[in-house]
Amino acid sequence: MFKRWLLALLTRVGLIVLGLCCCLSLFYLLACKPATHSSQQSLLWSGGATSKEGYMALLQEREDSHRHYMNSLSKQIAQLKEALQERTQQLQESLEKAKTRGILPQGLESLHKIPAQTDLKDFLRSQLSQAEVNSGVKLPSEYAVIPFDTFTLRRVYQLETGLTRHPEERPVRRDRRDELIGTLETALHVLNGPLQHADNTRRKHTFSPSDFIEGLTRTEQDKGTVYELMFKGDGPRDFTQLVLFRPFGPVMKVKSESVDTRSTLINIIVPLSKRPEAFRQFINSFREVCIQQDRRIHLTVVYFGRDQIDQVKAVLDQTSRETRFRSFTLIQLNEEFSRGRGLDVGARAWRRSQNVLLFFCDVDIHFTADFLTSCRLNAEAGKKVYYPVLFSQYNPSIIYSNQTLLPSVQQQLVIRKDAGFWRDFGFGMTCQYRSDFLNIGGFDRSIKGWGLEDVHLYRKYLHSKMMVVRSPSRGLFHLWHEKSCADELPPDKYKMCMQTKAMSEASHGQLGELFFKREIEAHLSSQKQTNRGT
């Protein structure tokens, strides 16, 4: 009887204890719930609130709170991983000692094969010690300086302006935007961490994005990226500076393979309307590069209209007789000129079974045999398209105005800042396989005349999973020619045409000399008179 009563009593006590444990667990979970930081600013780069509605603001606040909470968890996980790696290293060292003494227990041989992280950590620390972070390095001249970019919560101020030409802007590239946001979040985690408070007992305030003033960042290509971030302090003249460094790892081998281009035929497609002299100059270069040197080329000329087409036919017939070159196609379209329409017709006119490599070209383009090799190497069916950046010549009559005779075309093909510029805003010259061109949908054939058709096609590839290889080409030149912008062009196209015309005439300094020509001549004249008087 006593045993039954004791058993019942123990059962009740056990249930009560279990209930208390459940309650404590519930209270613990509620206490660990992430707090809402309504005072913190969002790390958005768009600037300002996204809605006037109260519930949208509440949702944004909750989203920011959860995002910061997830980032905090990610940092804690990273710390746990680092601690695990340290313990693993300690275990590895213990196993090494045990093996050296011959007392490694049986069954632990597999643990001895755990890869050590010491070499990688030592390498990353050496990257920090070699980079210009803690101290300066001796530089040969001002041209060797790597400038910083300045950034705030919403803007980046940069010397390398890229395609946008904006000296300040919101980061356009997502990786750049995420990089700066992630760096700021890392800085806030470091400043608000227990180690930081242990080092600085005076600081009791929790740092938030609103405390961030500005940051500096620059990248040494062989070492890593440094970030210097400045935050508000306790007083108006107190600041907290944090320096972070993202080291680059060692070079890794990705792949090594042989590429056979002996059977890769290139179909060069040139849309044309009138301009027989320019076409004759193009064919002269074509004969030297494609017929005499490369010999794996097909030429497709898409001619608009009937005027002067006989001269084009005569040039092709003469080339065929003198070189025995037969691999060309002439297509005539009795319609208004449209570059996109001509290239599209030329690409679809291919009737051979093989998937040919296309090179969309213009009559004012000069290319070398090395460029054709780059065309074959940088385009891959189903994987890559090649969009080279060509070097555009300035007006030779301005560049060589101090010479009696203009140099030959071959002598003008030099890459110098006073001879031309990289045409990074142009996307008309491209190498891509016919299958990729057709699968992506080709050109927008509703576009008439000059401009925009190449940009639309370029954006199609950017929005796809194809890799776009964009790089300057040392063997691709745009020869200068007189440019006229038709009055019937819509305003956006006319503006683009005039901007291109202005950029193609001469460099900024050369245009300045023309603009201030009278003042310069007057100064030279006064200097001569002064010298005569003395």
Protein backbone atom coordinates (compact mmCIF):
# COMPACT_ATOMS: atom_id res chain seq x y z
CA MET A 1 0.00 0.00 0.00
CA PHE A 2 2.81 2.35 0.93
CA LYS A 3 4.63 1.52 -2.29
CA ARG A 4 1.57 2.43 -4.40
CA TRP A 5 1.15 5.72 -2.57
CA LEU A 6 4.84 6.53 -3.03
CA LEU A 7 4.66 5.65 -6.74
CA ALA A 8 1.64 7.92 -7.25
CA LEU A 9 3.38 10.74 -5.39
CA LEU A 10 6.49 10.43 -7.54
CA THR A 11 4.35 10.42 -10.69
CA ARG A 12 2.61 13.67 -9.67
CA VAL A 13 5.88 15.32 -8.74
CA GLY A 14 7.35 14.27 -12.09
CA LEU A 15 4.42 15.78 -13.99
CA ILE A 16 4.72 19.03 -12.03
CA VAL A 17 8.46 19.22 -12.77
CA LEU A 18 7.80 18.51 -16.45
CA GLY A 19 5.22 21.29 -16.57
CA LEU A 20 7.61 23.74 -14.95
CA CYS A 21 10.31 22.81 -17.51
CA CYS A 22 7.89 23.45 -20.37
CA CYS A 23 6.98 26.85 -18.94
CA LEU A 24 10.62 27.79 -18.51
CA SER A 25 11.35 26.72 -22.08
CA LEU A 26 8.50 28.86 -23.37
CA PHE A 27 9.68 31.88 -21.40
CA TYR A 28 13.20 31.33 -22.74
CA LEU A 29 12.01 31.28 -26.36
CA LEU A 30 10.02 34.46 -25.82
CA ALA A 31 13.03 36.14 -24.23
CA CYS A 32 15.27 35.18 -27.18
CA LYS A 33 12.87 36.60 -29.75
CA PRO A 34 14.73 39.24 -31.83
CA ALA A 35 13.88 42.76 -30.74
CA THR A 36 12.58 45.30 -33.22
CA HIS A 37 14.99 48.17 -33.73
CA SER A 38 12.65 50.86 -34.98
CA SER A 39 15.31 53.50 -34.69
CA GLN A 40 17.73 51.86 -37.13
CA GLN A 41 17.76 53.13 -40.67
CA SER A 42 17.30 50.71 -43.51
CA LEU A 43 20.36 49.97 -45.63
CA LEU A 44 18.42 50.71 -48.77
CA TRP A 45 20.23 52.51 -51.59
CA SER A 46 17.08 53.76 -53.24
CA GLY A 47 16.72 56.61 -50.73
CA GLY A 48 13.71 57.51 -48.62
CA ALA A 49 10.61 55.56 -47.66
CA THR A 50 8.97 53.28 -50.18
CA SER A 51 5.36 53.97 -49.15
CA LYS A 52 3.25 56.42 -47.21
CA GLU A 53 0.98 53.74 -45.79
CA GLY A 54 1.50 52.87 -42.15
CA TYR A 55 1.27 49.14 -42.58
CA MET A 56 3.92 49.22 -45.29
CA ALA A 57 6.23 51.05 -42.90
CA LEU A 58 5.52 48.42 -40.27
CA LEU A 59 6.31 45.62 -42.73
CA GLN A 60 9.53 47.38 -43.68
CA GLU A 61 10.45 47.70 -40.02
CA ARG A 62 9.80 44.01 -39.42
CA GLU A 63 11.78 43.07 -42.51
CA ASP A 64 14.77 45.14 -41.39
CA SER A 65 14.58 43.63 -37.91
CA HIS A 66 14.54 40.08 -39.22
CA ARG A 67 17.31 40.85 -41.70
CA HIS A 68 19.58 42.19 -38.98
CA TYR A 69 18.69 39.21 -36.81
CA MET A 70 19.61 36.79 -39.63
CA ASN A 71 22.85 38.65 -40.22
CA SER A 72 23.64 38.36 -36.51
CA LEU A 73 22.98 34.62 -36.63
CA SER A 74 25.21 34.34 -39.71
CA LYS A 75 28.03 36.10 -37.86
CA GLN A 76 27.60 33.79 -34.87
CA ILE A 77 27.71 30.75 -37.15
CA ALA A 78 30.90 32.09 -38.71
CA GLN A 79 32.42 32.51 -35.26
CA LEU A 80 31.41 28.95 -34.35
CA LYS A 81 33.00 27.67 -37.55
CA GLU A 82 36.20 29.53 -36.74
CA ALA A 83 36.22 28.06 -33.23
CA LEU A 84 35.61 24.61 -34.70
CA GLN A 85 38.53 25.09 -37.07
CA GLU A 86 40.78 26.08 -34.17
CA ARG A 87 39.74 22.99 -32.20
CA THR A 88 40.30 20.89 -35.31
CA GLN A 89 43.76 22.38 -35.64
CA GLN A 90 44.50 21.56 -32.01
CA LEU A 91 43.32 18.00 -32.56
CA GLN A 92 45.47 17.78 -35.67
CA GLU A 93 48.53 18.93 -33.73
CA SER A 94 47.81 16.42 -30.94
CA LEU A 95 47.49 13.62 -33.47
CA GLU A 96 50.77 14.70 -35.08
CA LYS A 97 52.53 14.49 -31.71
CA ALA A 98 50.92 11.13 -30.94
CA LYS A 99 52.00 9.76 -34.30
CA THR A 100 55.54 11.05 -33.78
CA ARG A 101 55.76 9.28 -30.43
CA GLY A 102 54.22 6.13 -31.86
CA ILE A 103 51.25 6.18 -29.47
CA LEU A 104 48.46 6.97 -31.96
CA PRO A 105 45.47 4.88 -30.72
CA GLN A 106 44.13 2.30 -33.14
CA GLY A 107 41.07 3.51 -35.08
CA LEU A 108 42.12 7.18 -35.10
CA GLU A 109 44.20 6.95 -38.28
CA SER A 110 41.40 8.57 -40.33
CA LEU A 111 41.33 11.62 -38.04
CA HIS A 112 44.97 12.19 -38.82
CA LYS A 113 43.98 13.01 -42.41
CA ILE A 114 41.97 16.13 -41.47
CA PRO A 115 43.19 18.97 -43.74
CA ALA A 116 44.89 21.78 -41.86
CA GLN A 117 43.92 25.42 -42.40
CA THR A 118 47.23 26.86 -41.24
CA ASP A 119 48.67 27.42 -44.71
CA LEU A 120 45.60 29.31 -45.94
CA LYS A 121 45.44 31.49 -42.81
CA ASP A 122 49.13 32.28 -43.08
CA PHE A 123 48.64 33.24 -46.73
CA LEU A 124 45.70 35.55 -45.95
CA ARG A 125 47.67 37.20 -43.12
CA SER A 126 50.57 37.73 -45.51
CA GLN A 127 48.16 39.44 -47.93
CA LEU A 128 47.22 41.90 -45.18
CA SER A 129 50.85 42.55 -44.23
CA GLN A 130 51.84 43.21 -47.85
CA ALA A 131 48.87 45.45 -48.69
CA GLU A 132 48.95 49.20 -48.15
CA VAL A 133 46.67 49.13 -45.10
CA ASN A 134 48.57 49.75 -41.88
CA SER A 135 51.39 51.73 -43.49
CA GLY A 136 52.28 53.29 -46.80
CA VAL A 137 54.59 51.90 -49.45
CA LYS A 138 57.13 53.61 -51.69
CA LEU A 139 55.70 54.46 -55.11
CA PRO A 140 57.66 55.49 -58.22
CA SER A 141 55.34 58.35 -59.22
CA GLU A 142 51.84 59.78 -58.94
CA TYR A 143 50.67 57.40 -61.68
CA ALA A 144 51.18 54.40 -59.37
CA VAL A 145 48.73 55.64 -56.73
CA ILE A 146 45.57 53.54 -56.29
CA PRO A 147 42.82 56.05 -55.41
CA PHE A 148 40.03 55.35 -52.95
CA ASP A 149 36.33 55.46 -53.73
CA THR A 150 34.19 57.30 -51.18
CA PHE A 151 30.78 55.91 -50.25
CA THR A 152 27.89 56.76 -47.96
CA LEU A 153 24.65 54.93 -47.22
CA ARG A 154 23.25 55.89 -50.59
CA ARG A 155 26.01 57.09 -52.91
CA VAL A 156 29.41 56.14 -54.27
CA TYR A 157 31.87 58.84 -55.40
CA GLN A 158 34.39 57.42 -57.87
CA LEU A 159 37.20 58.36 -60.25
CA GLU A 160 36.71 55.31 -62.49
CA THR A 161 33.27 56.23 -63.79
CA GLY A 162 32.82 53.32 -66.21
CA LEU A 163 30.10 53.28 -68.86
CA THR A 164 27.74 55.61 -66.97
CA ARG A 165 30.34 58.44 -66.83
CA HIS A 166 28.78 59.51 -63.50
CA PRO A 167 31.26 60.86 -60.92
CA GLU A 168 28.73 59.95 -58.21
CA GLU A 169 25.89 57.45 -58.35
CA ARG A 170 23.91 54.79 -56.57
CA PRO A 171 25.66 51.45 -57.15
CA VAL A 172 24.20 49.92 -60.31
CA ARG A 173 25.79 46.50 -60.12
CA ARG A 174 24.14 44.22 -57.59
CA ASP A 175 27.45 42.68 -56.48
CA ARG A 176 28.89 46.13 -55.79
CA ARG A 177 25.77 47.16 -53.86
CA ASP A 178 25.75 43.94 -51.82
CA GLU A 179 29.48 44.30 -51.18
CA LEU A 180 29.13 47.72 -49.57
CA ILE A 181 25.99 46.81 -47.64
CA GLY A 182 27.62 43.61 -46.37
CA THR A 183 30.72 45.54 -45.33
CA LEU A 184 28.65 48.01 -43.32
CA GLU A 185 26.71 45.20 -41.65
CA THR A 186 29.99 43.48 -40.75
CA ALA A 187 31.27 46.73 -39.26
CA LEU A 188 28.13 47.16 -37.15
CA HIS A 189 28.44 43.57 -35.91
CA VAL A 190 32.07 44.14 -34.94
CA LEU A 191 31.34 47.44 -33.19
CA ASN A 192 28.36 46.04 -31.28
CA GLY A 193 30.07 42.76 -30.39
CA PRO A 194 31.23 41.85 -26.87
CA LEU A 195 34.92 42.06 -27.77
CA GLN A 196 34.58 45.66 -28.95
CA HIS A 197 32.80 46.71 -25.74
CA ALA A 198 35.47 44.97 -23.67
CA ASP A 199 38.16 47.04 -25.39
CA ASN A 200 36.22 50.31 -25.09
CA THR A 201 34.38 50.48 -21.80
CA ARG A 202 33.36 54.11 -22.33
CA ARG A 203 31.10 53.29 -25.24
CA LYS A 204 27.67 52.12 -24.12
CA HIS A 205 25.66 53.18 -27.20
CA THR A 206 24.69 50.56 -29.79
CA PHE A 207 25.89 51.53 -33.26
CA SER A 208 23.28 51.74 -36.02
CA PRO A 209 23.39 52.66 -39.72
CA SER A 210 22.50 56.24 -38.81
CA ASP A 211 25.88 56.53 -37.05
CA PHE A 212 27.76 55.78 -40.28
CA ILE A 213 29.28 58.92 -41.80
CA GLU A 214 31.27 57.75 -44.82
CA GLY A 215 33.69 55.09 -45.95
CA LEU A 216 36.72 54.72 -48.20
CA THR A 217 37.50 51.63 -50.26
CA ARG A 218 40.07 50.58 -52.82
CA THR A 219 41.33 47.32 -54.27
CA GLU A 220 44.88 46.15 -54.83
CA GLN A 221 44.40 43.59 -57.56
CA ASP A 222 46.91 41.06 -56.21
CA LYS A 223 46.20 41.46 -52.48
CA GLY A 224 42.64 42.44 -51.59
CA THR A 225 40.17 45.22 -50.78
CA VAL A 226 40.47 47.57 -47.84
CA TYR A 227 37.54 49.43 -46.24
CA GLU A 228 37.91 52.37 -43.86
CA LEU A 229 34.60 53.25 -42.20
CA MET A 230 33.93 56.29 -40.02
CA PHE A 231 31.15 56.39 -37.40
CA LYS A 232 29.82 59.05 -35.03
CA GLY A 233 31.20 58.98 -31.50
CA ASP A 234 29.78 60.01 -28.13
CA GLY A 235 30.27 63.69 -28.85
CA PRO A 236 30.27 66.00 -31.88
CA ARG A 237 34.06 65.74 -32.13
CA ASP A 238 34.38 62.07 -31.26
CA PHE A 239 34.52 59.46 -34.00
CA THR A 240 35.06 55.75 -34.29
CA GLN A 241 37.13 54.45 -37.20
CA LEU A 242 37.05 50.82 -38.27
CA VAL A 243 39.36 49.28 -40.87
CA LEU A 244 38.34 46.03 -42.59
CA PHE A 245 40.27 44.01 -45.13
CA ARG A 246 38.99 41.41 -47.58
CA PRO A 247 42.07 39.41 -48.66
CA PHE A 248 42.25 37.70 -52.03
CA GLY A 249 43.01 34.00 -51.99
CA PRO A 250 45.67 32.24 -54.04
CA VAL A 251 45.18 31.64 -57.76
CA MET A 252 43.15 28.49 -58.44
CA LYS A 253 43.18 26.36 -61.55
CA VAL A 254 39.71 26.18 -63.08
CA LYS A 255 40.31 24.27 -66.28
CA SER A 256 42.98 23.48 -68.83
CA GLU A 257 41.96 22.36 -72.30
CA SER A 258 43.07 22.61 -75.91
CA VAL A 259 40.92 24.61 -78.32
CA ASP A 260 40.99 23.67 -82.00
CA THR A 261 39.86 26.54 -84.25
CA ARG A 262 41.12 25.14 -87.57
CA SER A 263 37.62 24.26 -88.77
CA THR A 264 35.81 27.30 -87.29
CA LEU A 265 34.39 29.33 -90.17
CA ILE A 266 33.38 32.97 -89.57
CA ASN A 267 30.53 34.50 -91.53
CA ILE A 268 31.18 38.26 -91.65
CA ILE A 269 27.91 40.14 -92.25
CA VAL A 270 28.07 43.74 -93.48
CA PRO A 271 24.89 45.83 -94.03
CA LEU A 272 25.44 48.51 -96.67
CA SER A 273 23.69 51.35 -98.44
CA LYS A 274 25.60 53.27 -101.13
CA ARG A 275 29.13 54.34 -99.98
CA PRO A 276 31.03 52.40 -102.70
CA GLU A 277 34.37 54.05 -101.83
CA ALA A 278 34.15 52.95 -98.22
CA PHE A 279 33.27 49.43 -99.39
CA ARG A 280 36.26 49.39 -101.72
CA GLN A 281 38.53 50.33 -98.81
CA PHE A 282 36.92 47.60 -96.69
CA ILE A 283 37.52 44.98 -99.40
CA ASN A 284 41.18 45.98 -99.70
CA SER A 285 41.64 45.25 -96.01
CA PHE A 286 39.49 42.11 -96.32
CA ARG A 287 41.71 40.72 -99.06
CA GLU A 288 44.85 41.14 -96.99
CA VAL A 289 43.49 39.81 -93.67
CA CYS A 290 40.80 37.28 -94.61
CA ILE A 291 41.85 35.93 -98.00
CA GLN A 292 45.65 36.01 -97.75
CA GLN A 293 46.09 35.30 -94.02
CA ASP A 294 43.06 33.64 -92.40
CA ARG A 295 41.27 31.83 -95.29
CA ARG A 296 38.39 30.58 -93.10
CA ILE A 297 35.93 33.37 -93.85
CA HIS A 298 32.59 33.80 -95.60
CA LEU A 299 31.46 37.34 -96.48
CA THR A 300 27.76 38.28 -96.58
CA VAL A 301 26.89 41.76 -97.87
CA VAL A 302 23.28 42.92 -97.41
CA TYR A 303 22.70 45.88 -99.72
CA PHE A 304 19.72 48.24 -99.37
CA GLY A 305 18.30 49.81 -102.54
CA ARG A 306 19.50 49.73 -106.14
CA ASP A 307 21.49 52.94 -106.36
CA GLN A 308 25.24 52.23 -106.83
CA ILE A 309 24.84 48.50 -106.32
CA ASP A 310 26.60 47.93 -109.65
CA GLN A 311 29.78 49.39 -108.20
CA VAL A 312 29.56 47.00 -105.24
CA LYS A 313 29.10 44.04 -107.60
CA ALA A 314 32.07 45.19 -109.65
CA VAL A 315 34.31 45.28 -106.55
CA LEU A 316 33.24 41.74 -105.57
CA ASP A 317 33.70 40.41 -109.12
CA GLN A 318 37.16 41.95 -109.35
CA THR A 319 38.15 40.44 -106.01
CA SER A 320 36.86 37.02 -107.11
CA ARG A 321 38.83 37.11 -110.39
CA GLU A 322 42.09 38.28 -108.86
CA THR A 323 42.08 36.08 -105.73
CA ARG A 324 39.81 33.17 -106.79
CA PHE A 325 37.81 33.82 -103.66
CA ARG A 326 34.22 32.57 -104.08
CA SER A 327 32.96 32.42 -100.49
CA PHE A 328 30.71 35.48 -100.45
CA THR A 329 26.99 36.26 -100.72
CA LEU A 330 25.34 39.48 -101.95
CA ILE A 331 21.75 40.05 -100.82
CA GLN A 332 19.76 42.99 -102.18
CA LEU A 333 16.80 44.47 -100.27
CA ASN A 334 14.62 47.08 -101.95
CA GLU A 335 13.70 48.89 -98.75
CA GLU A 336 14.84 51.64 -96.39
CA PHE A 337 18.19 51.04 -94.72
CA SER A 338 18.04 49.37 -91.32
CA ARG A 339 21.21 47.96 -89.80
CA GLY A 340 19.36 45.51 -87.58
CA ARG A 341 17.22 44.31 -90.47
CA GLY A 342 20.30 43.78 -92.67
CA LEU A 343 22.21 41.80 -90.04
CA ASP A 344 19.15 39.72 -89.25
CA VAL A 345 18.58 38.85 -92.91
CA GLY A 346 22.25 38.02 -93.37
CA ALA A 347 22.30 35.71 -90.35
CA ARG A 348 19.15 33.84 -91.39
CA ALA A 349 20.32 33.49 -95.02
CA TRP A 350 22.95 30.89 -94.04
CA ARG A 351 21.98 27.60 -95.68
CA ARG A 352 24.82 25.28 -94.73
CA SER A 353 24.24 22.64 -92.09
CA GLN A 354 27.01 23.65 -89.69
CA ASN A 355 26.42 26.14 -86.89
CA VAL A 356 28.43 29.06 -88.21
CA LEU A 357 30.13 31.75 -86.12
CA LEU A 358 28.77 35.20 -87.01
CA PHE A 359 30.70 38.46 -86.93
CA PHE A 360 28.42 41.49 -87.23
CA CYS A 361 30.52 44.18 -88.87
CA ASP A 362 30.28 47.61 -90.51
CA VAL A 363 31.93 48.94 -93.64
CA ASP A 364 33.98 51.44 -91.59
CA ILE A 365 35.62 48.73 -89.46
CA HIS A 366 39.22 47.55 -89.81
CA PHE A 367 40.18 44.29 -88.11
CA THR A 368 43.31 42.17 -87.96
CA ALA A 369 43.96 38.42 -88.12
CA ASP A 370 44.56 38.47 -84.35
CA PHE A 371 41.04 39.78 -83.84
CA LEU A 372 39.59 36.88 -85.84
CA THR A 373 41.46 34.52 -83.50
CA SER A 374 39.95 36.32 -80.49
CA CYS A 375 36.54 36.04 -82.14
CA ARG A 376 36.90 32.25 -82.35
CA LEU A 377 38.29 31.86 -78.83
CA ASN A 378 35.84 34.09 -76.96
CA ALA A 379 32.58 32.82 -78.49
CA GLU A 380 31.20 29.38 -77.66
CA ALA A 381 27.89 27.99 -78.85
CA GLY A 382 25.34 27.85 -76.04
CA LYS A 383 27.76 29.38 -73.50
CA LYS A 384 29.51 32.61 -74.52
CA VAL A 385 29.10 35.59 -76.85
CA TYR A 386 31.91 38.04 -77.59
CA TYR A 387 31.31 41.80 -77.46
CA PRO A 388 34.67 43.48 -78.10
CA VAL A 389 35.25 47.16 -77.38
CA LEU A 390 36.80 48.70 -80.49
CA PHE A 391 39.20 51.62 -80.71
CA SER A 392 37.57 54.55 -82.50
CA GLN A 393 39.75 56.98 -84.46
CA TYR A 394 39.54 60.75 -84.17
CA ASN A 395 39.34 62.97 -87.24
CA PRO A 396 42.76 62.59 -88.96
CA SER A 397 42.62 66.13 -90.34
CA ILE A 398 42.61 67.42 -86.73
CA ILE A 399 45.07 64.92 -85.27
CA TYR A 400 47.64 65.37 -88.05
CA SER A 401 46.92 69.04 -88.83
CA ASN A 402 50.60 69.92 -88.35
CA GLN A 403 51.70 67.49 -91.08
CA THR A 404 51.73 68.19 -94.81
CA LEU A 405 50.43 64.75 -95.80
CA LEU A 406 48.14 62.49 -93.84
CA PRO A 407 49.67 59.12 -92.86
CA SER A 408 48.33 55.99 -94.53
CA VAL A 409 45.44 54.09 -92.96
CA GLN A 410 47.81 51.43 -91.67
CA GLN A 411 50.01 54.08 -90.01
CA GLN A 412 46.93 55.60 -88.34
CA LEU A 413 46.03 52.31 -86.62
CA VAL A 414 47.67 53.15 -83.30
CA ILE A 415 46.15 53.02 -79.82
CA ARG A 416 46.98 56.36 -78.17
CA LYS A 417 44.85 58.83 -76.25
CA ASP A 418 45.48 61.56 -78.85
CA ALA A 419 44.57 59.21 -81.73
CA GLY A 420 41.20 57.88 -80.54
CA PHE A 421 39.24 56.36 -77.67
CA TRP A 422 37.74 53.06 -76.56
CA ARG A 423 34.18 53.04 -77.84
CA ASP A 424 32.72 51.42 -74.74
CA PHE A 425 29.20 52.71 -75.45
CA GLY A 426 28.99 50.80 -78.75
CA PHE A 427 27.70 47.23 -78.99
CA GLY A 428 27.40 46.79 -82.75
CA MET A 429 30.50 44.66 -83.37
CA THR A 430 29.97 41.18 -81.94
CA CYS A 431 30.90 37.53 -82.48
CA GLN A 432 28.21 34.96 -81.68
CA TYR A 433 27.05 31.65 -83.04
CA ARG A 434 24.05 31.58 -85.33
CA SER A 435 22.18 29.17 -83.05
CA ASP A 436 22.51 31.56 -80.10
CA PHE A 437 21.41 34.51 -82.23
CA LEU A 438 18.27 32.68 -83.36
CA ASN A 439 17.47 31.29 -79.89
CA ILE A 440 17.73 34.72 -78.29
CA GLY A 441 15.25 36.14 -80.82
CA GLY A 442 17.58 38.13 -83.11
CA PHE A 443 17.27 41.87 -83.67
CA ASP A 444 14.22 44.02 -83.14
CA ARG A 445 13.30 44.40 -86.80
CA SER A 446 10.87 47.25 -86.12
CA ILE A 447 13.81 49.63 -85.55
CA LYS A 448 14.61 51.72 -88.60
CA GLY A 449 17.78 53.58 -89.53
CA TRP A 450 20.66 54.08 -87.10
CA GLY A 451 21.06 53.05 -83.48
CA LEU A 452 19.54 51.08 -80.58
CA GLU A 453 19.14 47.72 -82.36
CA ASP A 454 22.54 46.57 -81.07
CA VAL A 455 21.76 47.68 -77.50
CA HIS A 456 18.51 45.69 -77.48
CA LEU A 457 20.29 42.53 -78.63
CA TYR A 458 23.06 43.09 -76.07
CA ARG A 459 20.50 43.38 -73.27
CA LYS A 460 18.84 40.15 -74.35
CA TYR A 461 22.08 38.30 -73.72
CA LEU A 462 22.58 40.10 -70.41
CA HIS A 463 19.14 38.91 -69.29
CA SER A 464 19.90 35.33 -70.33
CA LYS A 465 22.25 32.76 -68.80
CA MET A 466 24.81 33.27 -71.56
CA MET A 467 28.20 34.64 -70.55
CA VAL A 468 28.95 37.99 -72.20
CA VAL A 469 32.68 38.52 -72.81
CA ARG A 470 33.23 42.29 -72.91
CA SER A 471 36.82 43.47 -73.34
CA PRO A 472 38.92 45.98 -75.34
CA SER A 473 40.30 44.55 -78.59
CA ARG A 474 43.72 45.62 -79.82
CA GLY A 475 42.88 44.46 -83.36
CA LEU A 476 39.53 46.16 -83.99
CA PHE A 477 39.36 49.78 -85.20
CA HIS A 478 36.60 52.14 -86.25
CA LEU A 479 37.89 54.32 -89.08
CA TRP A 480 36.85 57.95 -88.89
CA HIS A 481 34.31 59.17 -91.43
CA GLU A 482 32.07 62.18 -91.78
CA LYS A 483 28.90 61.56 -89.79
CA SER A 484 25.53 63.15 -90.54
CA CYS A 485 22.49 62.87 -88.27
CA ALA A 486 19.25 62.82 -90.25
CA ASP A 487 16.52 65.27 -89.27
CA GLU A 488 13.87 62.55 -89.43
CA LEU A 489 15.45 60.65 -86.53
CA PRO A 490 13.40 60.65 -83.30
CA PRO A 491 14.79 62.85 -80.49
CA ASP A 492 16.48 60.04 -78.53
CA LYS A 493 18.27 58.65 -81.58
CA TYR A 494 19.21 62.13 -82.83
CA LYS A 495 20.75 62.96 -79.44
CA MET A 496 22.73 59.70 -79.46
CA CYS A 497 23.92 60.42 -83.00
CA MET A 498 25.09 63.94 -82.12
CA GLN A 499 26.87 62.75 -78.98
CA THR A 500 28.71 60.12 -80.99
CA LYS A 501 29.63 62.70 -83.60
CA ALA A 502 31.04 65.08 -80.98
CA MET A 503 33.09 62.35 -79.28
CA SER A 504 34.51 61.11 -82.58
CA GLU A 505 35.98 64.40 -83.76
CA ALA A 506 38.91 64.87 -81.38
CA SER A 507 40.02 64.65 -77.78
CA HIS A 508 38.99 67.18 -75.15
CA GLY A 509 42.35 68.94 -75.35
CA GLN A 510 42.36 69.05 -79.16
CA LEU A 511 38.85 70.50 -79.26
CA GLY A 512 39.95 73.05 -76.67
CA GLU A 513 42.82 74.15 -78.90
CA LEU A 514 40.37 74.67 -81.77
CA PHE A 515 37.93 76.58 -79.57
CA PHE A 516 40.62 78.88 -78.14
CA LYS A 517 42.60 79.11 -81.39
CA ARG A 518 42.42 82.92 -81.62
CA GLU A 519 43.60 83.41 -78.04
CA ILE A 520 46.47 80.99 -78.56
CA GLU A 521 47.54 82.73 -81.80
CA ALA A 522 47.32 86.13 -80.12
CA HIS A 523 49.50 84.89 -77.25
CA LEU A 524 52.11 83.47 -79.64
CA SER A 525 52.14 86.72 -81.61
CA SER A 526 52.69 88.81 -78.48
CA GLN A 527 55.49 86.48 -77.37
CA LYS A 528 57.25 86.94 -80.72
CA GLN A 529 57.04 90.72 -80.47
CA THR A 530 58.39 90.60 -76.92
CA ASN A 531 61.32 88.46 -77.99
CA ARG A 532 62.14 90.80 -80.89
CA GLY A 533 62.14 93.78 -78.57
CA THR A 534 64.61 92.16 -76.22
